Amino acid sequence: MALAETTLSSAVAADDKSIVVASATSVAAGRIIQVGGEMMQVTKGYVTASTTVPVLRGILGTASEAHVASQRVVHGDAADWGAPAVGSVAPLSGQAHVRRIVSYTGTTAATCDLPKPGEDLVVVMNGSAINTLTVPVPTKDLDGCKITFINSAGAAHIVTFTGGLGGASTNYDVVTWNATGTAAMEVIACNEVWCGIFAPPMGGTVTNIIGSIA
């Protein structure tokens, strides 16, 4: 099967033994559920098609916590979550994310690697300007995972986000680095889109180090 998603129909307290979801499609005993930073598992007592789902709380190293109504719920079989990064406990677990570094060099177009569940990725762009580094849309199991892009050599690299930053499509999908200075940019996955993380503006020679977005 594949990862599916729905929402909570009502709030969940940290010690509740069941959750109520808006849709029971694909829900089954044994499925792994992610709500916020907590992982749960549907227990054997689940009644097929019921929107009231009995769960084992706080599994895979996560903590049981309260959740608000309408919060996003992602669920799937264990295999649907993919392989967690080495050293991590689970996607969005309470443990610190593992950091992996990848490097791209050259002028030809390339497709950017994505983080694995429970991992943050550092993308180092070297040498001459990369024509286009295309970043695929994040999958449901990457919520909370980050990518840090580093322009290590001060080249006019072009990075294109499929679907656009924040899901804004072609109006907000291309980042072009200024060729006169090194710089870095960070994005975080949420609800299957990449969201930019924006720091306070800088003064002085800021035009020499920022990127432009088209």
N, C-alpha and C. Protein backbone atom coordinates (compact mmCIF):
# COMPACT_ATOMS: atom_id res chain seq x y z
N MET A 1 0.85 -1.19 0.00
CA MET A 1 0.00 0.00 0.00
C MET A 1 0.89 1.24 0.00
N ALA A 2 0.28 2.39 0.08
CA ALA A 2 1.03 3.65 0.08
C ALA A 2 0.58 4.49 1.26
N LEU A 3 1.37 5.52 1.54
CA LEU A 3 0.98 6.43 2.60
C LEU A 3 -0.32 7.13 2.25
N ALA A 4 -1.19 7.26 3.23
CA ALA A 4 -2.46 7.96 3.05
C ALA A 4 -2.55 9.05 4.10
N GLU A 5 -3.44 9.99 3.91
CA GLU A 5 -3.57 11.04 4.90
C GLU A 5 -5.02 11.43 5.12
N THR A 6 -5.27 11.92 6.31
CA THR A 6 -6.58 12.44 6.69
C THR A 6 -6.33 13.47 7.77
N THR A 7 -7.34 13.80 8.56
CA THR A 7 -7.18 14.75 9.65
C THR A 7 -7.87 14.22 10.91
N LEU A 8 -7.54 14.80 12.04
CA LEU A 8 -8.22 14.46 13.27
C LEU A 8 -9.58 15.14 13.32
N SER A 9 -10.62 14.40 13.65
CA SER A 9 -11.95 14.99 13.77
C SER A 9 -12.14 15.67 15.12
N SER A 10 -11.35 15.28 16.10
CA SER A 10 -11.45 15.89 17.43
C SER A 10 -10.08 15.89 18.07
N ALA A 11 -9.93 16.71 19.09
CA ALA A 11 -8.65 16.82 19.78
C ALA A 11 -8.30 15.50 20.48
N VAL A 12 -7.02 15.28 20.69
CA VAL A 12 -6.52 14.06 21.34
C VAL A 12 -5.67 14.47 22.54
N ALA A 13 -5.98 13.92 23.69
CA ALA A 13 -5.16 14.16 24.88
C ALA A 13 -3.96 13.22 24.87
N ALA A 14 -2.94 13.57 25.63
CA ALA A 14 -1.71 12.79 25.62
C ALA A 14 -1.91 11.36 26.10
N ASP A 15 -2.93 11.11 26.91
CA ASP A 15 -3.15 9.76 27.44
C ASP A 15 -4.33 9.03 26.79
N ASP A 16 -4.93 9.58 25.74
CA ASP A 16 -6.02 8.90 25.04
C ASP A 16 -5.51 7.62 24.39
N LYS A 17 -6.36 6.61 24.35
CA LYS A 17 -6.00 5.32 23.77
C LYS A 17 -6.55 5.15 22.35
N SER A 18 -7.26 6.15 21.86
CA SER A 18 -7.78 6.09 20.50
C SER A 18 -7.82 7.50 19.92
N ILE A 19 -7.89 7.59 18.61
CA ILE A 19 -8.05 8.86 17.93
C ILE A 19 -9.25 8.75 17.00
N VAL A 20 -9.87 9.89 16.67
CA VAL A 20 -11.00 9.92 15.74
C VAL A 20 -10.56 10.67 14.49
N VAL A 21 -10.65 10.02 13.34
CA VAL A 21 -10.18 10.60 12.09
C VAL A 21 -11.35 10.92 11.16
N ALA A 22 -11.10 11.83 10.23
CA ALA A 22 -12.15 12.24 9.30
C ALA A 22 -12.45 11.15 8.27
N SER A 23 -11.44 10.37 7.90
CA SER A 23 -11.63 9.31 6.90
C SER A 23 -10.90 8.06 7.36
N ALA A 24 -11.56 6.92 7.23
CA ALA A 24 -10.96 5.64 7.61
C ALA A 24 -10.39 4.89 6.42
N THR A 25 -10.35 5.51 5.26
CA THR A 25 -9.82 4.86 4.07
C THR A 25 -8.39 4.40 4.29
N SER A 26 -8.14 3.12 4.04
CA SER A 26 -6.82 2.47 4.17
C SER A 26 -6.38 2.22 5.60
N VAL A 27 -7.16 2.66 6.59
CA VAL A 27 -6.79 2.39 7.98
C VAL A 27 -6.98 0.90 8.27
N ALA A 28 -6.02 0.30 8.93
CA ALA A 28 -6.09 -1.13 9.25
C ALA A 28 -5.19 -1.41 10.45
N ALA A 29 -5.45 -2.49 11.14
CA ALA A 29 -4.62 -2.89 12.28
C ALA A 29 -3.18 -3.05 11.83
N GLY A 30 -2.26 -2.53 12.62
CA GLY A 30 -0.84 -2.62 12.31
C GLY A 30 -0.28 -1.43 11.58
N ARG A 31 -1.15 -0.58 11.00
CA ARG A 31 -0.66 0.60 10.28
C ARG A 31 0.04 1.56 11.24
N ILE A 32 1.07 2.21 10.73
CA ILE A 32 1.81 3.21 11.51
C ILE A 32 1.22 4.58 11.20
N ILE A 33 0.94 5.36 12.24
CA ILE A 33 0.32 6.68 12.10
C ILE A 33 1.27 7.75 12.62
N GLN A 34 1.36 8.84 11.89
CA GLN A 34 2.13 10.00 12.32
C GLN A 34 1.19 11.19 12.50
N VAL A 35 1.19 11.75 13.70
CA VAL A 35 0.45 12.99 13.97
C VAL A 35 1.44 13.95 14.63
N GLY A 36 1.77 15.02 13.94
CA GLY A 36 2.79 15.92 14.46
C GLY A 36 4.09 15.17 14.64
N GLY A 37 4.69 15.28 15.84
CA GLY A 37 5.94 14.59 16.11
C GLY A 37 5.76 13.23 16.75
N GLU A 38 4.53 12.74 16.83
CA GLU A 38 4.28 11.45 17.49
C GLU A 38 3.96 10.36 16.48
N MET A 39 4.54 9.18 16.71
CA MET A 39 4.22 8.00 15.91
C MET A 39 3.33 7.08 16.74
N MET A 40 2.34 6.47 16.10
CA MET A 40 1.39 5.56 16.76
C MET A 40 1.23 4.32 15.89
N GLN A 41 0.61 3.29 16.45
CA GLN A 41 0.29 2.11 15.67
C GLN A 41 -1.13 1.66 15.96
N VAL A 42 -1.88 1.36 14.90
CA VAL A 42 -3.26 0.89 15.05
C VAL A 42 -3.23 -0.50 15.69
N THR A 43 -4.00 -0.69 16.76
CA THR A 43 -3.98 -1.96 17.47
C THR A 43 -4.95 -2.97 16.86
N LYS A 44 -4.86 -4.21 17.34
CA LYS A 44 -5.66 -5.31 16.79
C LYS A 44 -7.15 -5.13 17.01
N GLY A 45 -7.53 -4.29 17.96
CA GLY A 45 -8.95 -4.10 18.23
C GLY A 45 -9.66 -3.21 17.23
N TYR A 46 -8.98 -2.74 16.21
CA TYR A 46 -9.60 -1.82 15.25
C TYR A 46 -10.71 -2.50 14.45
N VAL A 47 -11.86 -1.82 14.32
CA VAL A 47 -13.00 -2.30 13.55
C VAL A 47 -12.93 -1.68 12.16
N THR A 48 -12.87 -2.51 11.14
CA THR A 48 -12.73 -2.03 9.76
C THR A 48 -13.75 -0.95 9.42
N ALA A 49 -13.29 0.12 8.82
CA ALA A 49 -14.08 1.26 8.34
C ALA A 49 -14.50 2.22 9.46
N SER A 50 -14.16 1.91 10.70
CA SER A 50 -14.51 2.82 11.79
C SER A 50 -13.55 4.01 11.80
N THR A 51 -14.10 5.19 12.06
CA THR A 51 -13.25 6.39 12.16
C THR A 51 -12.68 6.56 13.56
N THR A 52 -13.12 5.74 14.50
CA THR A 52 -12.50 5.71 15.84
C THR A 52 -11.42 4.63 15.82
N VAL A 53 -10.19 5.06 15.98
CA VAL A 53 -9.05 4.17 15.76
C VAL A 53 -8.28 3.95 17.07
N PRO A 54 -8.31 2.72 17.62
CA PRO A 54 -7.51 2.44 18.81
C PRO A 54 -6.03 2.39 18.43
N VAL A 55 -5.18 3.03 19.23
CA VAL A 55 -3.77 3.13 18.87
C VAL A 55 -2.86 2.90 20.06
N LEU A 56 -1.67 2.42 19.76
CA LEU A 56 -0.58 2.36 20.72
C LEU A 56 0.20 3.66 20.55
N ARG A 57 0.28 4.45 21.62
CA ARG A 57 0.82 5.80 21.53
C ARG A 57 2.34 5.83 21.72
N GLY A 58 2.96 6.86 21.14
CA GLY A 58 4.36 7.16 21.39
C GLY A 58 5.34 6.04 21.07
N ILE A 59 5.19 5.44 19.88
CA ILE A 59 6.10 4.35 19.52
C ILE A 59 7.33 4.89 18.80
N LEU A 60 8.27 4.00 18.53
CA LEU A 60 9.48 4.32 17.74
C LEU A 60 10.26 5.50 18.32
N GLY A 61 10.31 5.56 19.63
CA GLY A 61 11.13 6.58 20.27
C GLY A 61 10.49 7.95 20.38
N THR A 62 9.22 8.09 19.99
CA THR A 62 8.54 9.38 20.10
C THR A 62 7.76 9.46 21.40
N ALA A 63 7.34 10.65 21.75
CA ALA A 63 6.59 10.87 22.99
C ALA A 63 5.11 11.05 22.70
N SER A 64 4.28 10.51 23.58
CA SER A 64 2.84 10.73 23.48
C SER A 64 2.54 12.18 23.83
N GLU A 65 1.78 12.87 22.99
CA GLU A 65 1.50 14.29 23.21
C GLU A 65 0.10 14.64 22.77
N ALA A 66 -0.39 15.77 23.20
CA ALA A 66 -1.74 16.22 22.83
C ALA A 66 -1.73 16.73 21.39
N HIS A 67 -2.87 16.57 20.71
CA HIS A 67 -3.01 17.03 19.34
C HIS A 67 -4.35 17.75 19.18
N VAL A 68 -4.39 18.75 18.33
CA VAL A 68 -5.60 19.54 18.16
C VAL A 68 -6.46 18.97 17.04
N ALA A 69 -7.75 19.30 17.07
CA ALA A 69 -8.66 18.89 16.01
C ALA A 69 -8.19 19.46 14.67
N SER A 70 -8.39 18.72 13.60
CA SER A 70 -8.02 19.07 12.23
C SER A 70 -6.54 18.91 11.94
N GLN A 71 -5.75 18.42 12.92
CA GLN A 71 -4.34 18.20 12.67
C GLN A 71 -4.16 17.10 11.63
N ARG A 72 -3.12 17.23 10.83
CA ARG A 72 -2.85 16.28 9.75
C ARG A 72 -2.45 14.92 10.30
N VAL A 73 -2.99 13.87 9.68
CA VAL A 73 -2.71 12.48 10.06
C VAL A 73 -2.18 11.76 8.81
N VAL A 74 -0.99 11.19 8.91
CA VAL A 74 -0.42 10.41 7.81
C VAL A 74 -0.25 8.98 8.30
N HIS A 75 -0.66 7.99 7.50
CA HIS A 75 -0.55 6.61 7.95
C HIS A 75 -0.19 5.68 6.80
N GLY A 76 0.46 4.58 7.17
CA GLY A 76 0.85 3.61 6.16
C GLY A 76 1.40 2.36 6.82
N ASP A 77 1.67 1.34 6.00
CA ASP A 77 2.35 0.16 6.50
C ASP A 77 3.79 0.52 6.83
N ALA A 78 4.44 -0.30 7.63
CA ALA A 78 5.81 0.00 8.03
C ALA A 78 6.71 0.22 6.82
N ALA A 79 6.54 -0.57 5.78
CA ALA A 79 7.39 -0.45 4.59
C ALA A 79 7.16 0.85 3.83
N ASP A 80 5.96 1.44 3.99
CA ASP A 80 5.65 2.67 3.26
C ASP A 80 6.47 3.86 3.74
N TRP A 81 6.98 3.78 4.97
CA TRP A 81 7.72 4.91 5.53
C TRP A 81 9.15 4.96 5.03
N GLY A 82 9.60 3.93 4.34
CA GLY A 82 10.97 3.93 3.85
C GLY A 82 11.94 3.63 4.97
N ALA A 83 13.20 3.57 4.62
CA ALA A 83 14.23 3.25 5.61
C ALA A 83 14.66 4.51 6.32
N PRO A 84 14.54 4.57 7.66
CA PRO A 84 15.03 5.72 8.40
C PRO A 84 16.52 5.88 8.21
N ALA A 85 16.99 7.11 8.34
CA ALA A 85 18.41 7.38 8.20
C ALA A 85 19.20 6.65 9.28
N VAL A 86 20.45 6.31 8.97
CA VAL A 86 21.30 5.64 9.93
C VAL A 86 21.44 6.50 11.18
N GLY A 87 21.18 5.91 12.33
CA GLY A 87 21.31 6.63 13.58
C GLY A 87 20.04 7.31 14.03
N SER A 88 19.01 7.34 13.18
CA SER A 88 17.75 7.95 13.59
C SER A 88 16.83 6.86 14.13
N VAL A 89 15.81 7.27 14.87
CA VAL A 89 14.89 6.31 15.47
C VAL A 89 13.68 6.11 14.58
N ALA A 90 13.12 7.20 14.08
CA ALA A 90 11.91 7.11 13.27
C ALA A 90 11.68 8.46 12.63
N PRO A 91 10.85 8.51 11.56
CA PRO A 91 10.50 9.81 11.00
C PRO A 91 9.91 10.71 12.08
N LEU A 92 10.42 11.92 12.17
CA LEU A 92 9.91 12.92 13.10
C LEU A 92 9.92 12.42 14.54
N SER A 93 10.89 11.61 14.89
CA SER A 93 10.98 11.15 16.27
C SER A 93 11.48 12.28 17.14
N GLY A 94 11.47 12.05 18.44
CA GLY A 94 11.95 13.06 19.37
C GLY A 94 13.46 13.19 19.35
N GLN A 95 14.15 12.29 18.62
CA GLN A 95 15.59 12.35 18.54
C GLN A 95 16.01 13.43 17.55
N ALA A 96 17.28 13.88 17.67
CA ALA A 96 17.81 14.85 16.73
C ALA A 96 17.91 14.22 15.35
N HIS A 97 17.65 15.02 14.31
CA HIS A 97 17.79 14.52 12.96
C HIS A 97 19.25 14.20 12.67
N VAL A 98 19.46 13.18 11.86
CA VAL A 98 20.78 12.89 11.32
C VAL A 98 21.03 13.85 10.16
N ARG A 99 22.28 14.29 10.00
CA ARG A 99 22.61 15.19 8.89
C ARG A 99 23.47 14.44 7.87
N ARG A 100 23.07 14.52 6.60
CA ARG A 100 23.84 13.90 5.51
C ARG A 100 24.25 14.99 4.54
N ILE A 101 25.46 14.89 4.00
CA ILE A 101 25.99 15.90 3.09
C ILE A 101 26.18 15.28 1.70
N VAL A 102 25.65 15.97 0.68
CA VAL A 102 25.87 15.57 -0.71
C VAL A 102 26.47 16.75 -1.45
N SER A 103 27.13 16.47 -2.57
CA SER A 103 27.84 17.52 -3.30
C SER A 103 27.53 17.42 -4.78
N TYR A 104 27.36 18.58 -5.42
CA TYR A 104 27.12 18.65 -6.86
C TYR A 104 28.14 19.58 -7.48
N THR A 105 28.76 19.13 -8.58
CA THR A 105 29.76 19.92 -9.28
C THR A 105 29.52 19.80 -10.78
N GLY A 106 29.65 20.91 -11.50
CA GLY A 106 29.49 20.87 -12.94
C GLY A 106 28.38 21.78 -13.41
N THR A 107 28.30 21.96 -14.72
CA THR A 107 27.36 22.91 -15.29
C THR A 107 26.09 22.26 -15.83
N THR A 108 26.04 20.94 -15.90
CA THR A 108 24.87 20.27 -16.46
C THR A 108 23.74 20.19 -15.44
N ALA A 109 22.52 20.09 -15.97
CA ALA A 109 21.35 19.98 -15.10
C ALA A 109 21.38 18.67 -14.33
N ALA A 110 20.82 18.70 -13.11
CA ALA A 110 20.80 17.51 -12.27
C ALA A 110 19.55 17.53 -11.40
N THR A 111 19.19 16.38 -10.87
CA THR A 111 18.08 16.27 -9.93
C THR A 111 18.65 16.12 -8.54
N CYS A 112 18.19 16.98 -7.64
CA CYS A 112 18.70 16.99 -6.27
C CYS A 112 18.21 15.76 -5.50
N ASP A 113 19.10 15.21 -4.70
CA ASP A 113 18.71 14.14 -3.79
C ASP A 113 17.71 14.69 -2.78
N LEU A 114 16.93 13.82 -2.15
CA LEU A 114 16.02 14.21 -1.09
C LEU A 114 16.47 13.59 0.24
N PRO A 115 16.12 14.22 1.36
CA PRO A 115 16.42 13.58 2.64
C PRO A 115 15.68 12.26 2.76
N LYS A 116 16.21 11.37 3.58
CA LYS A 116 15.46 10.19 3.98
C LYS A 116 14.62 10.55 5.20
N PRO A 117 13.56 9.80 5.49
CA PRO A 117 12.76 10.11 6.68
C PRO A 117 13.64 10.18 7.93
N GLY A 118 13.45 11.21 8.73
CA GLY A 118 14.23 11.37 9.94
C GLY A 118 15.60 11.96 9.72
N GLU A 119 15.83 12.62 8.60
CA GLU A 119 17.16 13.10 8.23
C GLU A 119 17.09 14.52 7.70
N ASP A 120 18.15 15.29 7.92
CA ASP A 120 18.34 16.58 7.27
C ASP A 120 19.45 16.44 6.25
N LEU A 121 19.36 17.20 5.16
CA LEU A 121 20.31 17.08 4.06
C LEU A 121 21.02 18.40 3.84
N VAL A 122 22.33 18.34 3.63
CA VAL A 122 23.13 19.52 3.26
C VAL A 122 23.59 19.31 1.83
N VAL A 123 23.22 20.24 0.95
CA VAL A 123 23.58 20.16 -0.47
C VAL A 123 24.64 21.21 -0.75
N VAL A 124 25.86 20.78 -1.08
CA VAL A 124 26.96 21.68 -1.37
C VAL A 124 27.09 21.80 -2.89
N MET A 125 26.99 23.03 -3.40
CA MET A 125 27.10 23.29 -4.84
C MET A 125 28.48 23.88 -5.11
N ASN A 126 29.27 23.16 -5.88
CA ASN A 126 30.67 23.52 -6.11
C ASN A 126 30.90 24.05 -7.52
N GLY A 127 32.07 24.69 -7.70
CA GLY A 127 32.58 25.02 -9.02
C GLY A 127 31.72 25.99 -9.81
N SER A 128 31.70 25.78 -11.14
CA SER A 128 30.96 26.65 -12.04
C SER A 128 29.46 26.49 -11.81
N ALA A 129 28.71 27.48 -12.30
CA ALA A 129 27.27 27.51 -12.06
C ALA A 129 26.58 26.26 -12.60
N ILE A 130 25.81 25.61 -11.73
CA ILE A 130 24.99 24.48 -12.16
C ILE A 130 23.81 25.05 -12.93
N ASN A 131 23.59 24.53 -14.15
CA ASN A 131 22.54 25.07 -15.01
C ASN A 131 21.19 25.05 -14.31
N THR A 132 20.77 23.89 -13.84
CA THR A 132 19.54 23.78 -13.04
C THR A 132 19.65 22.55 -12.14
N LEU A 133 19.47 22.76 -10.85
CA LEU A 133 19.39 21.66 -9.89
C LEU A 133 17.93 21.58 -9.48
N THR A 134 17.23 20.55 -9.93
CA THR A 134 15.80 20.41 -9.70
C THR A 134 15.53 19.66 -8.41
N VAL A 135 14.72 20.26 -7.53
CA VAL A 135 14.39 19.66 -6.24
C VAL A 135 12.98 19.07 -6.33
N PRO A 136 12.85 17.74 -6.23
CA PRO A 136 11.51 17.13 -6.33
C PRO A 136 10.60 17.54 -5.16
N VAL A 137 9.31 17.33 -5.34
CA VAL A 137 8.33 17.57 -4.27
C VAL A 137 8.59 16.58 -3.13
N PRO A 138 8.59 17.04 -1.88
CA PRO A 138 8.80 16.11 -0.77
C PRO A 138 7.62 15.18 -0.58
N THR A 139 7.88 13.96 -0.14
CA THR A 139 6.81 13.01 0.13
C THR A 139 6.25 13.23 1.54
N LYS A 140 5.12 12.57 1.82
CA LYS A 140 4.42 12.78 3.09
C LYS A 140 5.29 12.47 4.30
N ASP A 141 6.20 11.50 4.17
CA ASP A 141 6.98 11.07 5.32
C ASP A 141 8.19 11.96 5.60
N LEU A 142 8.35 13.05 4.84
CA LEU A 142 9.49 13.95 5.05
C LEU A 142 9.12 15.21 5.84
N ASP A 143 7.90 15.29 6.36
CA ASP A 143 7.52 16.47 7.15
C ASP A 143 8.57 16.74 8.23
N GLY A 144 9.05 17.97 8.29
CA GLY A 144 10.03 18.36 9.30
C GLY A 144 11.47 18.17 8.86
N CYS A 145 11.71 17.49 7.75
CA CYS A 145 13.07 17.32 7.25
C CYS A 145 13.51 18.58 6.50
N LYS A 146 14.77 18.94 6.63
CA LYS A 146 15.28 20.17 6.03
C LYS A 146 16.36 19.88 4.98
N ILE A 147 16.47 20.80 4.02
CA ILE A 147 17.60 20.81 3.10
C ILE A 147 18.29 22.17 3.23
N THR A 148 19.59 22.15 3.42
CA THR A 148 20.40 23.37 3.43
C THR A 148 21.23 23.39 2.15
N PHE A 149 21.04 24.41 1.34
CA PHE A 149 21.81 24.58 0.10
C PHE A 149 22.96 25.54 0.37
N ILE A 150 24.16 25.16 -0.01
CA ILE A 150 25.33 26.01 0.20
C ILE A 150 26.03 26.25 -1.13
N ASN A 151 26.13 27.52 -1.49
CA ASN A 151 26.87 27.94 -2.68
C ASN A 151 28.32 28.14 -2.24
N SER A 152 29.14 27.10 -2.40
CA SER A 152 30.46 27.10 -1.79
C SER A 152 31.50 27.91 -2.55
N ALA A 153 31.23 28.22 -3.83
CA ALA A 153 32.26 28.86 -4.65
C ALA A 153 31.83 30.20 -5.23
N GLY A 154 30.66 30.69 -4.83
CA GLY A 154 30.22 31.98 -5.35
C GLY A 154 29.88 31.93 -6.83
N ALA A 155 29.12 30.92 -7.26
CA ALA A 155 28.70 30.78 -8.66
C ALA A 155 27.20 31.02 -8.77
N ALA A 156 26.75 31.34 -9.97
CA ALA A 156 25.34 31.66 -10.20
C ALA A 156 24.53 30.38 -10.41
N HIS A 157 24.49 29.53 -9.41
CA HIS A 157 23.73 28.28 -9.48
C HIS A 157 22.23 28.58 -9.59
N ILE A 158 21.51 27.72 -10.29
CA ILE A 158 20.06 27.84 -10.42
C ILE A 158 19.42 26.61 -9.80
N VAL A 159 18.54 26.82 -8.83
CA VAL A 159 17.83 25.73 -8.17
C VAL A 159 16.33 25.91 -8.43
N THR A 160 15.70 24.88 -8.96
CA THR A 160 14.27 24.93 -9.26
C THR A 160 13.51 23.97 -8.36
N PHE A 161 12.49 24.45 -7.68
CA PHE A 161 11.67 23.64 -6.79
C PHE A 161 10.40 23.21 -7.53
N THR A 162 10.28 21.93 -7.79
CA THR A 162 9.09 21.41 -8.47
C THR A 162 7.85 21.75 -7.63
N GLY A 163 6.88 22.37 -8.25
CA GLY A 163 5.66 22.77 -7.54
C GLY A 163 5.78 24.12 -6.86
N GLY A 164 6.99 24.66 -6.80
CA GLY A 164 7.19 25.99 -6.21
C GLY A 164 7.40 25.95 -4.71
N LEU A 165 8.15 26.92 -4.19
CA LEU A 165 8.30 27.05 -2.75
C LEU A 165 6.94 27.35 -2.13
N GLY A 166 6.61 26.66 -1.07
CA GLY A 166 5.31 26.84 -0.43
C GLY A 166 4.15 26.39 -1.29
N GLY A 167 4.43 25.63 -2.36
CA GLY A 167 3.37 25.17 -3.25
C GLY A 167 2.84 26.25 -4.16
N ALA A 168 3.64 27.32 -4.38
CA ALA A 168 3.17 28.46 -5.17
C ALA A 168 3.40 28.31 -6.67
N SER A 169 3.72 27.11 -7.11
CA SER A 169 3.86 26.78 -8.52
C SER A 169 4.95 27.61 -9.19
N THR A 170 4.75 27.91 -10.48
CA THR A 170 5.80 28.55 -11.27
C THR A 170 6.03 30.02 -10.91
N ASN A 171 5.19 30.59 -10.07
CA ASN A 171 5.40 31.97 -9.65
C ASN A 171 6.50 32.11 -8.61
N TYR A 172 6.97 30.98 -8.07
CA TYR A 172 7.88 31.06 -6.94
C TYR A 172 8.71 29.79 -6.86
N ASP A 173 9.35 29.45 -7.97
CA ASP A 173 10.00 28.14 -8.02
C ASP A 173 11.48 28.15 -8.36
N VAL A 174 12.03 29.27 -8.79
CA VAL A 174 13.42 29.32 -9.22
C VAL A 174 14.24 30.23 -8.32
N VAL A 175 15.33 29.71 -7.78
CA VAL A 175 16.26 30.50 -6.97
C VAL A 175 17.58 30.58 -7.72
N THR A 176 18.05 31.80 -7.97
CA THR A 176 19.32 32.02 -8.65
C THR A 176 20.30 32.68 -7.69
N TRP A 177 21.43 32.03 -7.46
CA TRP A 177 22.42 32.58 -6.55
C TRP A 177 23.23 33.69 -7.22
N ASN A 178 23.58 34.70 -6.46
CA ASN A 178 24.46 35.74 -6.95
C ASN A 178 25.86 35.16 -7.11
N ALA A 179 26.53 35.52 -8.20
CA ALA A 179 27.82 34.90 -8.53
C ALA A 179 29.00 35.54 -7.81
N THR A 180 28.77 36.56 -6.98
CA THR A 180 29.89 37.29 -6.40
C THR A 180 30.17 36.95 -4.94
N GLY A 181 29.46 35.96 -4.38
CA GLY A 181 29.72 35.61 -2.99
C GLY A 181 29.09 34.30 -2.62
N THR A 182 29.65 33.66 -1.60
CA THR A 182 29.07 32.42 -1.12
C THR A 182 27.83 32.72 -0.28
N ALA A 183 26.89 31.79 -0.23
CA ALA A 183 25.66 31.99 0.52
C ALA A 183 25.01 30.64 0.78
N ALA A 184 24.02 30.64 1.67
CA ALA A 184 23.30 29.41 1.98
C ALA A 184 21.81 29.71 2.09
N MET A 185 20.99 28.69 1.87
CA MET A 185 19.54 28.81 1.94
C MET A 185 19.00 27.51 2.53
N GLU A 186 17.94 27.61 3.33
CA GLU A 186 17.38 26.43 3.97
C GLU A 186 15.89 26.34 3.71
N VAL A 187 15.41 25.13 3.46
CA VAL A 187 13.98 24.88 3.28
C VAL A 187 13.59 23.70 4.16
N ILE A 188 12.31 23.64 4.53
CA ILE A 188 11.80 22.56 5.37
C ILE A 188 10.53 21.99 4.74
N ALA A 189 10.38 20.66 4.80
CA ALA A 189 9.22 19.99 4.20
C ALA A 189 8.03 20.04 5.13
N CYS A 190 6.86 20.37 4.57
CA CYS A 190 5.62 20.36 5.33
C CYS A 190 4.45 20.19 4.37
N ASN A 191 3.62 19.20 4.61
CA ASN A 191 2.43 18.96 3.78
C ASN A 191 2.77 18.83 2.30
N GLU A 192 3.87 18.15 2.02
CA GLU A 192 4.30 17.85 0.65
C GLU A 192 4.69 19.08 -0.16
N VAL A 193 5.20 20.10 0.51
CA VAL A 193 5.80 21.25 -0.18
C VAL A 193 7.06 21.64 0.57
N TRP A 194 7.97 22.33 -0.13
CA TRP A 194 9.16 22.89 0.48
C TRP A 194 8.87 24.33 0.88
N CYS A 195 9.08 24.66 2.15
CA CYS A 195 8.82 26.00 2.67
C CYS A 195 10.15 26.67 2.99
N GLY A 196 10.33 27.89 2.51
CA GLY A 196 11.56 28.62 2.77
C GLY A 196 11.66 29.06 4.21
N ILE A 197 12.86 29.03 4.76
CA ILE A 197 13.12 29.54 6.11
C ILE A 197 13.84 30.86 5.95
N PHE A 198 13.18 31.94 6.35
CA PHE A 198 13.73 33.27 6.10
C PHE A 198 14.26 33.89 7.37
N ALA A 199 15.51 34.33 7.34
CA ALA A 199 16.14 35.00 8.47
C ALA A 199 15.87 36.50 8.38
N PRO A 200 16.12 37.27 9.45
CA PRO A 200 15.99 38.73 9.36
C PRO A 200 16.89 39.27 8.26
N PRO A 201 16.50 40.37 7.61
CA PRO A 201 17.31 40.93 6.52
C PRO A 201 18.66 41.42 7.02
N MET A 202 19.63 41.42 6.11
CA MET A 202 20.98 41.88 6.44
C MET A 202 21.24 43.24 5.81
N GLY A 203 22.09 44.00 6.44
CA GLY A 203 22.44 45.32 5.90
C GLY A 203 23.78 45.28 5.20
N GLY A 204 24.32 46.46 4.92
CA GLY A 204 25.64 46.55 4.30
C GLY A 204 25.64 46.04 2.88
N THR A 205 26.52 45.09 2.57
CA THR A 205 26.67 44.59 1.21
C THR A 205 25.78 43.38 0.95
N VAL A 206 24.56 43.41 1.49
CA VAL A 206 23.66 42.29 1.37
C VAL A 206 23.39 41.89 -0.08
N THR A 207 23.42 42.85 -1.01
CA THR A 207 23.12 42.51 -2.42
C THR A 207 24.17 41.60 -3.02
N ASN A 208 25.31 41.46 -2.38
CA ASN A 208 26.35 40.59 -2.92
C ASN A 208 26.20 39.14 -2.46
N ILE A 209 25.31 38.86 -1.53
CA ILE A 209 25.25 37.51 -0.99
C ILE A 209 23.86 36.90 -1.05
N ILE A 210 22.82 37.66 -1.32
CA ILE A 210 21.49 37.08 -1.35
C ILE A 210 21.18 36.42 -2.68
N GLY A 211 20.16 35.59 -2.70
CA GLY A 211 19.68 35.01 -3.95
C GLY A 211 18.38 35.68 -4.35
N SER A 212 18.06 35.62 -5.62
CA SER A 212 16.79 36.17 -6.09
C SER A 212 15.85 35.04 -6.43
N ILE A 213 14.57 35.24 -6.21
CA ILE A 213 13.57 34.20 -6.47
C ILE A 213 12.61 34.68 -7.55
N ALA A 214 12.37 33.82 -8.54
CA ALA A 214 11.48 34.20 -9.64
C ALA A 214 10.31 33.23 -9.68
